[in-house]
Amino acid sequence: MVTPAGAPPGVEPPGVEPLGSEPLGVAPIGFIGLGAMGAPMAANLATGGAELIVYDIAGPQRSPPAAVVAASVAAVAAAARTIFLSLPDGDVVAAVVGEIVAAPARKARTVIDTSTIGIAAAQAVHQALADAHMEFADAPVSGGVAGAEAATLSLMFSGRAQTFDRLLLWFKTMSSNQFHVGTTPGQGQAMKIANNFLSATAMAATSEAVAFGTSQGLEMKTMLDVINVSSGQNTATRDKFPQRVLTQTYDAGFRNDQMEKDCRLYLQSVQAAGTADRLGEVVKAMWTHHNEAEPAADISRIYPFIRERR
């Protein structure tokens, strides 16, 4: 529930219609951010029947064919009651939300952020929208570019149950797994960065283990075959190594600077919460080293980086 500071839970701001009450189809859905993840998600929404109005600062090149291309963030906010965001980081999300709030003739009521921005940033955006009598939900996604293109993402929604239910059909057009993880701003982010920390750990640890095994004369494929029916299996051994490392294509579709950012957000949040952080520090440092050595390289290239002890 989004209410001004001090308003009792469950009570809408005075003089404002209930948030999330509008039926689907009464207005276009806005989508801001048509990058590697946003473009295929927007395309899947359009394929699912959504009337879209889209905007990206880089231009309309990646907009779905049937979408209306807006000239600005403000134009999206003036046309769409619900707006999805897919943006690089918390600073960009905060700036775009500021433009939405300040838009003349603003129709926008609900902002769904699919970006990974961290808990503190999500809470700050929530407050900025609440002050404008608007609703926020953080709904980060996992699955990478391939998952966005195939509409097989996992979506981790934190917000009002009514809003989750209202938008579930649209969520299903761009994801195969939808989870309502909580109602507190930032809980979707907490779930996402915990997941990405585990993914980052699996990729780095598998790289070390495979580098050791091959140094002993084991073949990588043999190692993966054994591990994937044994207790050491993980996302790296099941997917990234067989498809991206063994083939030497190194095309997982997620960059090491993005992984470093997610590990940094995880570590900051863990330290703020006061929970254990020893492994978090080690894993974050590993991805920092890789990004410094090979800026913005695909995450699968951490294997030759570790193998060569760089």
Protein backbone atom coordinates (compact mmCIF):
# COMPACT_ATOMS: atom_id res chain seq x y z
CA MET A 1 0.00 0.00 0.00
CA VAL A 2 1.34 3.41 -0.94
CA THR A 3 0.22 6.20 1.37
CA PRO A 4 1.68 9.51 2.47
CA ALA A 5 3.88 9.45 5.57
CA GLY A 6 1.74 8.99 8.65
CA ALA A 7 -1.33 7.69 6.82
CA PRO A 8 -2.77 4.52 8.36
CA PRO A 9 -2.09 1.29 6.44
CA GLY A 10 -4.84 0.33 4.06
CA VAL A 11 -6.13 3.88 3.60
CA GLU A 12 -5.74 5.59 0.25
CA PRO A 13 -4.67 9.25 0.02
CA PRO A 14 -7.72 11.52 0.38
CA GLY A 15 -9.42 12.46 -2.84
CA VAL A 16 -7.50 9.88 -4.88
CA GLU A 17 -9.12 6.86 -6.46
CA PRO A 18 -7.89 3.49 -5.14
CA LEU A 19 -4.46 2.69 -6.48
CA GLY A 20 -4.34 -0.17 -8.92
CA SER A 21 -8.12 -0.16 -9.37
CA GLU A 22 -8.20 0.67 -13.06
CA PRO A 23 -9.10 -2.25 -15.37
CA LEU A 24 -6.64 -3.45 -17.95
CA GLY A 25 -7.08 -2.13 -21.46
CA VAL A 26 -8.42 1.32 -20.56
CA ALA A 27 -5.14 2.99 -21.50
CA PRO A 28 -1.78 2.07 -22.99
CA ILE A 29 0.89 0.48 -20.86
CA GLY A 30 4.09 2.50 -20.71
CA PHE A 31 7.51 0.93 -21.07
CA ILE A 32 10.69 2.95 -20.49
CA GLY A 33 14.08 1.43 -21.26
CA LEU A 34 14.58 -0.63 -24.41
CA GLY A 35 18.00 -2.09 -23.76
CA ALA A 36 19.14 -5.69 -23.97
CA MET A 37 16.51 -6.79 -21.43
CA GLY A 38 13.83 -4.14 -21.89
CA ALA A 39 13.42 -4.48 -25.64
CA PRO A 40 12.48 -8.18 -25.64
CA MET A 41 10.29 -7.76 -22.56
CA ALA A 42 8.40 -4.93 -24.25
CA ALA A 43 8.13 -7.01 -27.42
CA ASN A 44 6.62 -9.90 -25.46
CA LEU A 45 4.10 -7.57 -23.83
CA ALA A 46 3.10 -6.34 -27.28
CA THR A 47 2.86 -9.90 -28.61
CA GLY A 48 0.61 -10.69 -25.66
CA GLY A 49 -1.79 -7.96 -26.72
CA ALA A 50 -0.68 -4.97 -24.70
CA GLU A 51 -1.13 -1.54 -26.24
CA LEU A 52 2.29 -0.02 -25.60
CA ILE A 53 3.73 3.46 -25.52
CA VAL A 54 7.52 3.25 -25.21
CA TYR A 55 10.53 5.48 -24.72
CA ASP A 56 14.28 5.00 -24.65
CA ILE A 57 16.86 7.74 -24.42
CA ALA A 58 18.88 6.05 -27.18
CA GLY A 59 16.01 6.30 -29.64
CA PRO A 60 13.25 4.09 -31.04
CA GLN A 61 15.42 1.53 -32.86
CA ARG A 62 14.49 -1.35 -30.56
CA SER A 63 10.83 -0.51 -30.00
CA PRO A 64 8.23 -3.19 -30.84
CA PRO A 65 6.73 -2.59 -34.30
CA ALA A 66 3.21 -2.05 -32.99
CA ALA A 67 4.19 0.26 -30.13
CA VAL A 68 3.68 4.00 -30.08
CA VAL A 69 7.05 5.70 -29.63
CA ALA A 70 6.92 8.62 -27.21
CA ALA A 71 9.17 11.66 -27.50
CA SER A 72 9.95 11.77 -23.77
CA VAL A 73 9.40 10.19 -20.36
CA ALA A 74 6.79 12.89 -19.70
CA ALA A 75 4.85 11.84 -22.80
CA VAL A 76 4.70 8.26 -21.52
CA ALA A 77 3.51 9.49 -18.12
CA ALA A 78 0.79 11.58 -19.77
CA ALA A 79 -0.57 8.59 -21.71
CA ALA A 80 -0.14 5.48 -19.55
CA ARG A 81 -1.54 4.72 -16.12
CA THR A 82 0.88 1.84 -15.57
CA ILE A 83 4.56 2.17 -16.53
CA PHE A 84 7.21 -0.54 -16.62
CA LEU A 85 10.88 0.39 -16.21
CA SER A 86 13.93 -1.55 -17.39
CA LEU A 87 16.93 0.64 -16.65
CA PRO A 88 20.65 0.25 -15.83
CA ASP A 89 20.85 1.27 -12.16
CA GLY A 90 19.28 3.09 -9.24
CA ASP A 91 20.46 6.55 -10.26
CA VAL A 92 18.82 6.24 -13.67
CA VAL A 93 15.62 4.84 -12.16
CA ALA A 94 15.46 7.74 -9.67
CA ALA A 95 15.96 10.28 -12.46
CA VAL A 96 13.27 8.74 -14.66
CA VAL A 97 10.83 8.51 -11.74
CA GLY A 98 11.49 12.19 -11.06
CA GLU A 99 10.50 12.98 -14.65
CA ILE A 100 7.36 10.85 -14.33
CA VAL A 101 6.30 12.63 -11.13
CA ALA A 102 6.94 16.06 -12.67
CA ALA A 103 5.19 15.31 -15.98
CA PRO A 104 2.46 17.81 -16.95
CA ALA A 105 -0.98 16.24 -17.29
CA ARG A 106 0.37 13.08 -15.68
CA LYS A 107 -1.93 10.09 -15.99
CA ALA A 108 0.55 7.59 -14.56
CA ARG A 109 -0.52 5.95 -11.30
CA THR A 110 1.64 2.84 -10.97
CA VAL A 111 5.33 2.23 -11.68
CA ILE A 112 6.66 -1.33 -11.96
CA ASP A 113 10.46 -1.45 -11.91
CA THR A 114 12.02 -4.58 -13.40
CA SER A 115 15.55 -3.21 -12.96
CA THR A 116 18.08 -4.38 -10.35
CA ILE A 117 18.76 -1.32 -8.19
CA GLY A 118 19.13 -2.59 -4.62
CA ILE A 119 17.02 -2.24 -1.51
CA ALA A 120 17.89 1.33 -0.51
CA ALA A 121 17.28 2.70 -4.00
CA ALA A 122 13.94 0.90 -4.25
CA GLN A 123 12.84 2.34 -0.92
CA ALA A 124 13.83 5.85 -2.01
CA VAL A 125 11.90 5.54 -5.28
CA HIS A 126 8.89 4.18 -3.39
CA GLN A 127 8.91 7.24 -1.13
CA ALA A 128 9.23 9.67 -4.03
CA LEU A 129 6.20 8.09 -5.71
CA ALA A 130 4.23 7.85 -2.47
CA ASP A 131 4.74 11.58 -1.93
CA ALA A 132 3.11 12.08 -5.34
CA HIS A 133 0.23 9.73 -4.45
CA MET A 134 1.58 7.10 -6.83
CA GLU A 135 2.22 3.39 -6.40
CA PHE A 136 5.55 1.60 -6.77
CA ALA A 137 6.43 -2.07 -7.05
CA ASP A 138 9.91 -3.48 -7.48
CA ALA A 139 9.73 -6.50 -9.75
CA PRO A 140 13.26 -7.44 -10.83
CA VAL A 141 13.71 -10.34 -13.23
CA SER A 142 16.22 -13.15 -13.63
CA GLY A 143 17.08 -15.18 -16.71
CA GLY A 144 19.28 -12.90 -18.77
CA VAL A 145 18.81 -11.80 -22.35
CA ALA A 146 17.97 -15.33 -23.49
CA GLY A 147 15.21 -15.53 -20.88
CA ALA A 148 13.88 -12.11 -21.84
CA GLU A 149 13.74 -13.11 -25.50
CA ALA A 150 12.08 -16.46 -24.77
CA ALA A 151 9.72 -15.01 -22.13
CA THR A 152 11.08 -17.51 -19.58
CA LEU A 153 12.22 -15.00 -16.97
CA SER A 154 11.56 -15.32 -13.27
CA LEU A 155 9.83 -12.21 -11.92
CA MET A 156 10.09 -11.28 -8.22
CA PHE A 157 7.32 -8.83 -7.33
CA SER A 158 7.15 -6.82 -4.13
CA GLY A 159 4.07 -4.67 -3.73
CA ARG A 160 0.33 -4.76 -3.24
CA ALA A 161 -1.40 -8.09 -3.85
CA GLN A 162 -4.14 -6.26 -5.80
CA THR A 163 -1.57 -4.87 -8.21
CA PHE A 164 0.15 -8.21 -8.62
CA ASP A 165 -3.18 -9.86 -9.43
CA ARG A 166 -4.20 -7.05 -11.79
CA LEU A 167 -0.98 -7.28 -13.80
CA LEU A 168 -0.40 -11.03 -13.61
CA LEU A 169 -1.62 -11.68 -17.16
CA TRP A 170 0.91 -9.14 -18.45
CA PHE A 171 3.66 -10.58 -16.26
CA LYS A 172 2.95 -13.97 -17.82
CA THR A 173 3.57 -12.62 -21.32
CA MET A 174 7.21 -11.90 -20.46
CA SER A 175 8.04 -14.48 -17.78
CA SER A 176 7.38 -18.12 -17.01
CA ASN A 177 7.68 -17.81 -13.23
CA GLN A 178 5.99 -15.04 -11.27
CA PHE A 179 6.46 -14.70 -7.51
CA HIS A 180 4.79 -12.27 -5.12
CA VAL A 181 7.64 -12.22 -2.59
CA GLY A 182 6.36 -9.51 -0.24
CA THR A 183 4.62 -6.19 0.21
CA THR A 184 7.48 -4.09 1.58
CA PRO A 185 9.44 -1.92 -0.89
CA GLY A 186 12.80 -3.51 -1.60
CA GLN A 187 11.86 -7.12 -0.88
CA GLY A 188 11.87 -7.91 -4.60
CA GLN A 189 15.35 -6.40 -4.76
CA ALA A 190 16.47 -8.45 -1.74
CA MET A 191 15.32 -11.61 -3.48
CA LYS A 192 17.03 -10.68 -6.76
CA ILE A 193 20.40 -9.73 -5.33
CA ALA A 194 20.46 -12.85 -3.14
CA ASN A 195 19.80 -14.91 -6.27
CA ASN A 196 22.48 -13.11 -8.28
CA PHE A 197 25.01 -13.49 -5.48
CA LEU A 198 24.46 -17.25 -5.63
CA SER A 199 24.78 -17.16 -9.43
CA ALA A 200 28.00 -15.13 -9.18
CA THR A 201 29.37 -17.53 -6.56
CA ALA A 202 28.51 -20.58 -8.66
CA MET A 203 30.20 -19.14 -11.74
CA ALA A 204 33.41 -18.19 -9.90
CA ALA A 205 33.60 -21.40 -7.85
CA THR A 206 32.93 -23.61 -10.87
CA SER A 207 35.67 -21.80 -12.76
CA GLU A 208 38.16 -22.59 -9.97
CA ALA A 209 37.05 -26.22 -9.73
CA VAL A 210 37.20 -26.83 -13.49
CA ALA A 211 40.58 -25.11 -13.78
CA PHE A 212 41.88 -27.44 -11.07
CA GLY A 213 40.38 -30.55 -12.69
CA THR A 214 41.75 -29.82 -16.14
CA SER A 215 45.19 -29.22 -14.59
CA GLN A 216 44.99 -32.85 -13.46
CA GLY A 217 44.26 -34.12 -16.95
CA LEU A 218 40.49 -34.32 -16.64
CA GLU A 219 38.44 -33.21 -19.65
CA MET A 220 36.03 -30.36 -19.01
CA LYS A 221 33.09 -32.23 -20.56
CA THR A 222 33.76 -35.26 -18.39
CA MET A 223 33.90 -33.08 -15.31
CA LEU A 224 30.60 -31.42 -16.19
CA ASP A 225 28.92 -34.78 -16.91
CA VAL A 226 29.96 -36.07 -13.49
CA ILE A 227 29.18 -32.91 -11.53
CA ASN A 228 25.75 -32.53 -13.11
CA VAL A 229 24.61 -35.87 -11.69
CA SER A 230 26.40 -35.31 -8.39
CA SER A 231 26.21 -32.98 -5.40
CA GLY A 232 28.25 -30.16 -6.95
CA GLN A 233 25.79 -29.30 -9.72
CA ASN A 234 24.70 -25.67 -10.05
CA THR A 235 23.55 -23.17 -12.67
CA ALA A 236 27.08 -22.72 -14.00
CA THR A 237 27.70 -26.45 -14.47
CA ARG A 238 24.26 -27.05 -15.98
CA ASP A 239 24.05 -24.08 -18.33
CA LYS A 240 26.88 -21.60 -18.63
CA PHE A 241 29.78 -24.03 -18.81
CA PRO A 242 28.26 -26.55 -21.28
CA GLN A 243 26.80 -23.87 -23.54
CA ARG A 244 29.13 -20.88 -23.19
CA VAL A 245 32.52 -22.04 -21.87
CA LEU A 246 32.98 -25.54 -23.28
CA THR A 247 31.97 -24.19 -26.70
CA GLN A 248 34.29 -21.17 -26.21
CA THR A 249 31.52 -18.88 -27.44
CA TYR A 250 31.53 -16.92 -24.15
CA ASP A 251 28.11 -15.45 -24.85
CA ALA A 252 26.01 -15.74 -21.68
CA GLY A 253 24.58 -12.28 -22.42
CA PHE A 254 25.40 -10.75 -19.04
CA ARG A 255 28.48 -8.58 -18.47
CA ASN A 256 30.95 -8.78 -15.61
CA ASP A 257 30.34 -5.12 -14.70
CA GLN A 258 26.66 -5.96 -14.25
CA MET A 259 27.54 -8.95 -12.08
CA GLU A 260 29.94 -6.81 -10.06
CA LYS A 261 27.17 -4.23 -9.54
CA ASP A 262 24.78 -6.89 -8.28
CA CYS A 263 27.43 -8.33 -5.94
CA ARG A 264 28.12 -4.81 -4.65
CA LEU A 265 24.42 -4.21 -4.00
CA TYR A 266 24.21 -7.56 -2.23
CA LEU A 267 27.24 -6.85 -0.05
CA GLN A 268 26.01 -3.36 0.85
CA SER A 269 22.60 -4.75 1.81
CA VAL A 270 24.09 -7.62 3.82
CA GLN A 271 26.32 -5.24 5.74
CA ALA A 272 23.36 -2.92 6.39
CA ALA A 273 21.37 -5.89 7.69
CA GLY A 274 24.24 -7.08 9.86
CA THR A 275 24.20 -10.64 8.52
CA ALA A 276 27.23 -12.73 7.53
CA ASP A 277 29.29 -11.18 4.73
CA ARG A 278 32.60 -13.05 4.53
CA LEU A 279 31.82 -14.93 1.32
CA GLY A 280 30.12 -11.86 -0.09
CA GLU A 281 33.32 -9.87 0.22
CA VAL A 282 35.39 -12.57 -1.51
CA VAL A 283 32.96 -13.07 -4.39
CA LYS A 284 32.51 -9.35 -4.96
CA ALA A 285 36.29 -8.88 -5.03
CA MET A 286 36.64 -11.66 -7.61
CA TRP A 287 34.18 -9.98 -9.98
CA THR A 288 35.82 -6.59 -9.40
CA HIS A 289 39.19 -8.06 -10.42
CA HIS A 290 37.69 -9.62 -13.54
CA ASN A 291 35.97 -6.40 -14.58
CA GLU A 292 39.16 -4.39 -14.04
CA ALA A 293 41.12 -6.85 -16.21
CA GLU A 294 38.47 -7.23 -18.94
CA PRO A 295 36.04 -4.30 -18.70
CA ALA A 296 32.43 -5.21 -19.56
CA ALA A 297 33.36 -8.74 -20.71
CA ASP A 298 30.77 -11.51 -20.77
CA ILE A 299 30.53 -13.23 -17.38
CA SER A 300 31.49 -16.58 -18.90
CA ARG A 301 34.97 -15.19 -19.56
CA ILE A 302 35.71 -15.40 -15.86
CA TYR A 303 36.76 -19.00 -16.50
CA PRO A 304 39.86 -18.23 -18.64
CA PHE A 305 40.55 -15.28 -16.31
CA ILE A 306 40.66 -17.63 -13.29
CA ARG A 307 42.36 -20.45 -15.20
CA GLU A 308 45.21 -18.12 -16.14
CA ARG A 309 45.36 -16.82 -12.53
CA ARG A 310 45.11 -13.25 -13.75
